[in-house]
Amino acid sequence: MPPRPLQPPAEQSWRQPAVILATCGWIGRLRPAPGTWGSAVGLAAAVAVSACGLGRPLEAGLWLLVNLAGVPLCTRAARGLGGLKDPAAVVLDEAAAMPLVLLVVPPEARTWLVLLVAFGLFRLFDITKLPPCRQLEQLPEGLGVMADDWAAAAYAAVVLAAMLPLLP
């Protein structure tokens, strides 16, 4: 039996809970550059969590849980949005991975300049998809959606950590 052709998402698909969560409350529908919008959601969330004063171990644990929950959420959302491999509207991957970049920076050192540099580095590595980012996209379903962003966050975190002594 040949695979059925991919269908564009019906309007009711956008109301599925997994789709609402994976598009960050439909932020992923914003154009242009939905991934940049999703990354901005992640940056705002990271700033909010940092302001709570949880400490880095709890903060890291929270982002680990969010990222792990993103795998099944992105799987369900991609299926709900017509079965595309990585729908552009699904931006939970960017929103969840962006805060990981900041874990290399103590909360008290997260100035606006550091946040801006972290954001720019994450977007650079997410868009350019250096190896193994592109290869990680080939993992199945939600894991592939999320994993390339984890690698982009790792690249960005390494570069940010190296840049920290140079930033005022």
Foldseek 3Di string as FASTA:
>chain_A
DDDDDFDAADPVLCVDPLNCVQLVNQCLVDDDPSLLSLLVLLLVVLLVVLVVVPFLVVVVVVLVVLLVVQLVSQQVSCVSRRVDLADSSRNSLNSSLLSLLCSLPRSVLCDVVLSVQSSVQLVVCLVVQDPPLVVLLPPDGSRSNNVSSNVSSVRSNVVSNVCSVVDD
